[in-house]
Amino acid sequence: MSGIATAIAVTAGATIYAGNQAGKASKSAANAQERGTEAGIAETRRQFDITQANLQPRIEAGDRALGQQEAILGLSGQEAQQQAFAAFNESPGQKFMRDRAQKNLLRNSSAIGGLGGGNVRSALVEQGVGFAQQDFQNQFGRLGQIAGQGQNAATNVGQFGAQAAGNIANLGVAGSEARASGILGASQARSNTVNQLAGLAGTAAGFYNQPQTQFNPGGGMSGFSDSRLKENIVEISRDDLGGIYSFNYKSNPDQEYKGRMAQELLDTRPDAVSMHESGFLMVTNEFRPELI
């Protein structure tokens, strides 16, 4: 092999290795970006779940308060309205207020000697109605406040959910773009490698213009493992480096060999592949085809 041809072969090996490294780097960068995107999506969902859980008690309390208001106003039917008024009338707060007012009124009437008069009874009724009305208005107002707080909580959850959905959508687009960038980057690196190898093959052909039979790719210890030189290829097994095949060289159909394909080793062990002056791929002694 001439010095020029040796240089071409070495350059081809370096080109193959550089192309593989560039493709791997592109995929690694895209994978890192995609993992960051997935982490961002997971954190956005986690924060939304926390917010929703924190506001859920207020939403539920608001729903109950609104339901009580609707019952009092008769919007849930007459029976529900009657039950609401009965529950209010028998509430501990109402009983306490009635009992305290009656005791105060009776104490004052006893002091002035009018304990059994009709005026006292009228005053008790009037006072009870007044306290009941005031407490009812206060209770209805408190229910309105709780219902409003529940509505605000529900609105906040909805707004936060919409914001989270938008963020997740944007992150999803970024993840898709990262995957696409990795695929395109790896493809471009492979395409550049093929183009450079084609140029080297053309250069080698200019310095090495001999028939293919002179380099005898089917020799007993040949390092040629280019799939273009083989036929009757059958996969025997497969491992992390690729497939192991039985085959014969086109130039020597009577001899059967076992070995790997140089094209596959370009992806898994690019350091073990080089280009012959003829433009065909060879492998190191570690991967030389074996005669069966």
Protein backbone atom coordinates (compact mmCIF):
# COMPACT_ATOMS: atom_id res chain seq x y z
CA MET A 1 0.00 0.00 0.00
CA SER A 2 1.51 3.39 -1.02
CA GLY A 3 2.07 6.22 1.45
CA ILE A 4 -0.72 8.25 -0.14
CA ALA A 5 -3.11 5.32 0.05
CA THR A 6 -2.16 4.75 3.69
CA ALA A 7 -2.89 8.38 4.47
CA ILE A 8 -6.25 8.09 2.76
CA ALA A 9 -7.10 4.97 4.75
CA VAL A 10 -6.11 6.66 8.03
CA THR A 11 -8.14 9.73 7.11
CA ALA A 12 -11.12 7.52 6.35
CA GLY A 13 -10.89 5.89 9.78
CA ALA A 14 -10.66 9.28 11.46
CA THR A 15 -13.62 10.53 9.42
CA ILE A 16 -15.72 7.54 10.47
CA TYR A 17 -14.81 8.01 14.14
CA ALA A 18 -15.46 11.76 14.06
CA GLY A 19 -18.82 11.24 12.34
CA ASN A 20 -19.90 8.72 14.96
CA GLN A 21 -18.80 10.99 17.81
CA ALA A 22 -20.64 13.94 16.30
CA GLY A 23 -23.82 11.87 15.97
CA LYS A 24 -23.55 10.63 19.55
CA ALA A 25 -22.91 14.15 20.85
CA SER A 26 -25.97 15.46 19.02
CA LYS A 27 -28.15 12.71 20.48
CA SER A 28 -26.72 13.20 23.99
CA ALA A 29 -27.42 16.94 23.91
CA ALA A 30 -30.96 16.34 22.69
CA ASN A 31 -31.54 13.68 25.36
CA ALA A 32 -30.30 16.03 28.09
CA GLN A 33 -32.63 18.77 26.88
CA GLU A 34 -35.53 16.33 26.71
CA ARG A 35 -34.87 15.13 30.28
CA GLY A 36 -34.89 18.74 31.45
CA THR A 37 -38.20 19.27 29.66
CA GLU A 38 -39.73 16.20 31.29
CA ALA A 39 -38.54 17.38 34.72
CA GLY A 40 -40.16 20.77 34.10
CA ILE A 41 -43.46 19.14 33.13
CA ALA A 42 -43.40 16.93 36.22
CA GLU A 43 -42.71 19.91 38.53
CA THR A 44 -45.49 21.97 36.91
CA ARG A 45 -47.98 19.17 37.48
CA ARG A 46 -46.75 18.70 41.07
CA GLN A 47 -47.23 22.38 41.86
CA PHE A 48 -50.73 22.34 40.37
CA ASP A 49 -51.65 19.29 42.46
CA ILE A 50 -50.42 21.03 45.62
CA THR A 51 -52.37 24.20 44.84
CA GLN A 52 -55.51 22.27 44.03
CA ALA A 53 -55.25 20.25 47.26
CA ASN A 54 -54.73 23.42 49.34
CA LEU A 55 -57.76 25.19 47.86
CA GLN A 56 -60.06 22.17 47.73
CA PRO A 57 -61.39 22.60 51.34
CA ARG A 58 -62.45 26.17 50.55
CA ILE A 59 -64.15 25.06 47.36
CA GLU A 60 -66.07 22.36 49.21
CA ALA A 61 -67.03 24.76 52.04
CA GLY A 62 -68.19 27.29 49.45
CA ASP A 63 -70.32 24.65 47.74
CA ARG A 64 -71.99 23.74 51.05
CA ALA A 65 -72.60 27.41 51.94
CA LEU A 66 -74.10 28.09 48.53
CA GLY A 67 -76.33 25.04 48.91
CA GLN A 68 -77.61 26.34 52.27
CA GLN A 69 -78.34 29.75 50.78
CA GLU A 70 -80.27 28.15 47.92
CA ALA A 71 -82.28 26.07 50.39
CA ILE A 72 -83.13 29.13 52.54
CA LEU A 73 -84.23 31.08 49.45
CA GLY A 74 -86.41 28.17 48.32
CA LEU A 75 -84.37 27.48 45.19
CA SER A 76 -84.00 23.82 46.18
CA GLY A 77 -87.72 23.25 46.83
CA GLN A 78 -90.19 23.90 49.63
CA GLU A 79 -89.19 20.88 51.69
CA ALA A 80 -85.54 21.85 51.63
CA GLN A 81 -86.46 25.41 52.62
CA GLN A 82 -88.51 24.22 55.61
CA GLN A 83 -85.67 21.98 56.72
CA ALA A 84 -83.21 24.86 56.45
CA PHE A 85 -85.38 27.16 58.60
CA ALA A 86 -85.99 24.40 61.16
CA ALA A 87 -82.27 23.69 61.36
CA PHE A 88 -81.55 27.39 61.83
CA ASN A 89 -84.21 27.77 64.52
CA GLU A 90 -82.86 24.78 66.44
CA SER A 91 -79.23 25.71 66.03
CA PRO A 92 -77.17 26.08 69.25
CA GLY A 93 -76.61 29.75 68.52
CA GLN A 94 -80.32 30.54 68.29
CA LYS A 95 -81.14 28.62 71.47
CA PHE A 96 -78.39 30.39 73.37
CA MET A 97 -79.57 33.83 72.24
CA ARG A 98 -83.21 33.09 73.12
CA ASP A 99 -82.35 31.71 76.53
CA ARG A 100 -80.11 34.66 77.40
CA ALA A 101 -82.67 37.23 76.22
CA GLN A 102 -85.47 35.57 78.19
CA LYS A 103 -83.40 35.43 81.38
CA ASN A 104 -82.46 39.11 81.08
CA LEU A 105 -86.03 40.18 80.40
CA LEU A 106 -87.50 38.08 83.21
CA ARG A 107 -84.88 39.36 85.63
CA ASN A 108 -85.73 42.97 84.80
CA SER A 109 -89.49 42.35 84.96
CA SER A 110 -89.17 40.61 88.32
CA ALA A 111 -87.29 43.57 89.67
CA ILE A 112 -90.14 45.94 88.77
CA GLY A 113 -92.93 43.53 89.81
CA GLY A 114 -94.32 42.85 86.33
CA LEU A 115 -93.34 39.24 86.02
CA GLY A 116 -96.71 37.79 85.06
CA GLY A 117 -98.09 40.61 82.97
CA GLY A 118 -99.02 40.42 79.32
CA ASN A 119 -96.48 43.08 78.55
CA VAL A 120 -93.72 40.73 79.60
CA ARG A 121 -94.95 37.97 77.34
CA SER A 122 -95.27 40.40 74.42
CA ALA A 123 -91.82 41.72 75.08
CA LEU A 124 -90.40 38.19 75.15
CA VAL A 125 -91.96 37.38 71.79
CA GLU A 126 -90.88 40.67 70.25
CA GLN A 127 -87.38 40.30 71.56
CA GLY A 128 -87.13 36.70 70.33
CA VAL A 129 -88.26 37.71 66.84
CA GLY A 130 -85.79 40.57 66.74
CA PHE A 131 -82.86 38.44 67.79
CA ALA A 132 -83.86 35.68 65.38
CA GLN A 133 -84.09 38.11 62.47
CA GLN A 134 -80.77 39.71 63.26
CA ASP A 135 -79.02 36.38 63.66
CA PHE A 136 -80.64 35.08 60.46
CA GLN A 137 -79.32 38.05 58.48
CA ASN A 138 -75.86 37.59 59.97
CA GLN A 139 -75.91 33.86 59.21
CA PHE A 140 -77.05 34.42 55.62
CA GLY A 141 -74.31 37.01 55.16
CA ARG A 142 -71.69 34.64 56.53
CA LEU A 143 -72.87 31.93 54.17
CA GLY A 144 -72.49 34.41 51.30
CA GLN A 145 -68.94 35.18 52.33
CA ILE A 146 -68.00 31.50 52.50
CA ALA A 147 -69.66 30.85 49.14
CA GLY A 148 -67.70 33.76 47.65
CA GLN A 149 -64.44 32.43 49.05
CA GLY A 150 -65.20 29.04 47.54
CA GLN A 151 -65.94 30.62 44.18
CA ASN A 152 -62.68 32.60 44.30
CA ALA A 153 -60.77 29.42 45.20
CA ALA A 154 -62.35 27.58 42.28
CA THR A 155 -61.49 30.47 39.95
CA ASN A 156 -57.89 30.47 41.18
CA VAL A 157 -57.59 26.72 40.60
CA GLY A 158 -59.01 27.14 37.10
CA GLN A 159 -56.60 29.95 36.27
CA PHE A 160 -53.64 28.06 37.68
CA GLY A 161 -54.71 24.97 35.77
CA ALA A 162 -54.91 26.90 32.52
CA GLN A 163 -51.47 28.38 33.17
CA ALA A 164 -50.05 24.96 34.03
CA ALA A 165 -51.58 23.47 30.87
CA GLY A 166 -50.00 26.22 28.78
CA ASN A 167 -46.62 25.68 30.41
CA ILE A 168 -46.85 21.92 29.89
CA ALA A 169 -47.80 22.44 26.24
CA ASN A 170 -44.82 24.75 25.71
CA LEU A 171 -42.49 22.31 27.43
CA GLY A 172 -43.90 19.47 25.33
CA VAL A 173 -43.13 21.42 22.16
CA ALA A 174 -39.60 22.07 23.44
CA GLY A 175 -39.15 18.35 24.13
CA SER A 176 -40.36 17.44 20.64
CA GLU A 177 -38.00 19.98 19.12
CA ALA A 178 -35.14 18.53 21.16
CA ARG A 179 -35.87 15.02 19.90
CA ALA A 180 -36.14 16.25 16.34
CA SER A 181 -32.89 18.20 16.70
CA GLY A 182 -31.09 15.10 17.98
CA ILE A 183 -32.39 12.95 15.13
CA LEU A 184 -31.54 15.55 12.49
CA GLY A 185 -28.12 16.19 14.04
CA ALA A 186 -27.23 12.50 14.06
CA SER A 187 -28.54 12.09 10.52
CA GLN A 188 -26.54 15.09 9.33
CA ALA A 189 -23.38 13.75 10.97
CA ARG A 190 -23.87 10.37 9.28
CA SER A 191 -24.57 12.04 5.95
CA ASN A 192 -21.42 14.13 6.25
CA THR A 193 -19.43 10.99 7.07
CA VAL A 194 -20.79 9.17 4.02
CA ASN A 195 -20.06 12.13 1.76
CA GLN A 196 -16.51 12.43 3.08
CA LEU A 197 -15.93 8.71 2.67
CA ALA A 198 -17.24 8.88 -0.88
CA GLY A 199 -14.77 11.65 -1.60
CA LEU A 200 -11.95 9.62 -0.09
CA ALA A 201 -12.99 6.60 -2.10
CA GLY A 202 -12.81 8.67 -5.28
CA THR A 203 -9.40 9.93 -4.27
CA ALA A 204 -8.22 6.40 -3.54
CA ALA A 205 -9.48 5.22 -6.91
CA GLY A 206 -7.31 7.82 -8.57
CA PHE A 207 -4.18 6.38 -6.94
CA TYR A 208 -5.16 2.76 -6.99
CA ASN A 209 -6.46 1.64 -10.36
CA GLN A 210 -6.29 -2.14 -10.13
CA PRO A 211 -8.94 -4.80 -10.72
CA GLN A 212 -10.82 -5.90 -7.58
CA THR A 213 -9.49 -9.43 -7.86
CA GLN A 214 -5.93 -8.24 -7.10
CA PHE A 215 -6.70 -7.45 -3.46
CA ASN A 216 -8.44 -10.84 -3.00
CA PRO A 217 -11.18 -9.95 -0.47
CA GLY A 218 -11.95 -13.64 -0.02
CA GLY A 219 -8.47 -14.69 1.07
CA GLY A 220 -8.13 -17.03 4.04
CA MET A 221 -7.21 -14.32 6.58
CA SER A 222 -8.79 -11.37 4.81
CA GLY A 223 -9.76 -8.36 6.92
CA PHE A 224 -12.42 -7.31 4.42
CA SER A 225 -15.81 -7.29 6.10
CA ASP A 226 -17.72 -4.97 3.78
CA SER A 227 -21.26 -6.25 3.15
CA ARG A 228 -20.97 -5.19 -0.50
CA LEU A 229 -18.39 -7.93 -1.07
CA LYS A 230 -20.56 -10.68 0.45
CA GLU A 231 -23.54 -12.80 -0.51
CA ASN A 232 -25.72 -15.56 1.00
CA ILE A 233 -25.69 -13.61 4.28
CA VAL A 234 -27.49 -15.32 7.19
CA GLU A 235 -27.59 -13.95 10.75
CA ILE A 236 -26.37 -16.51 13.30
CA SER A 237 -26.55 -14.49 16.53
CA ARG A 238 -26.54 -10.91 17.84
CA ASP A 239 -24.96 -9.00 20.72
CA ASP A 240 -24.30 -5.39 21.71
CA LEU A 241 -21.89 -4.87 18.81
CA GLY A 242 -24.34 -6.11 16.19
CA GLY A 243 -24.99 -9.32 14.30
CA ILE A 244 -22.73 -12.28 13.58
CA TYR A 245 -23.36 -13.77 10.12
CA SER A 246 -22.45 -16.66 7.88
CA PHE A 247 -21.65 -15.71 4.26
CA ASN A 248 -19.34 -16.19 1.32
CA TYR A 249 -17.43 -13.59 -0.65
CA LYS A 250 -18.70 -12.95 -4.15
CA SER A 251 -15.22 -13.54 -5.45
CA ASN A 252 -14.98 -16.92 -3.66
CA PRO A 253 -18.40 -18.59 -3.57
CA ASP A 254 -17.03 -22.00 -2.49
CA GLN A 255 -15.74 -20.86 0.90
CA GLU A 256 -18.10 -20.08 3.80
CA TYR A 257 -17.12 -17.58 6.49
CA LYS A 258 -18.46 -16.36 9.81
CA GLY A 259 -18.08 -12.79 11.02
CA ARG A 260 -19.52 -9.31 11.39
CA MET A 261 -20.47 -6.55 8.97
CA ALA A 262 -18.16 -3.57 8.88
CA GLN A 263 -21.14 -1.27 8.30
CA GLU A 264 -22.61 -2.29 11.67
CA LEU A 265 -19.28 -1.92 13.46
CA LEU A 266 -19.15 1.69 12.24
CA ASP A 267 -21.87 2.43 14.80
CA THR A 268 -20.60 0.27 17.68
CA ARG A 269 -16.79 0.03 17.22
CA PRO A 270 -15.72 2.68 14.71
CA ASP A 271 -12.13 2.38 15.92
CA ALA A 272 -12.03 -1.18 14.49
CA VAL A 273 -13.01 -0.15 10.94
CA SER A 274 -10.89 1.36 8.18
CA MET A 275 -11.17 1.88 4.44
CA HIS A 276 -9.07 -0.04 1.94
CA GLU A 277 -7.55 1.70 -1.07
CA SER A 278 -10.29 0.11 -3.13
CA GLY A 279 -12.97 1.95 -1.21
CA PHE A 280 -14.20 -1.14 0.68
CA LEU A 281 -14.27 -1.39 4.48
CA MET A 282 -11.87 -3.54 6.48
CA VAL A 283 -11.80 -4.54 10.15
CA THR A 284 -9.00 -5.12 12.65
CA ASN A 285 -7.72 -8.59 13.55
CA GLU A 286 -10.19 -8.73 16.45
CA PHE A 287 -13.09 -8.92 13.99
CA ARG A 288 -11.55 -10.72 11.01
CA PRO A 289 -14.02 -13.16 9.40
CA GLU A 290 -13.37 -16.82 10.24
CA LEU A 291 -13.40 -19.60 7.72
CA ILE A 292 -16.08 -22.19 8.55
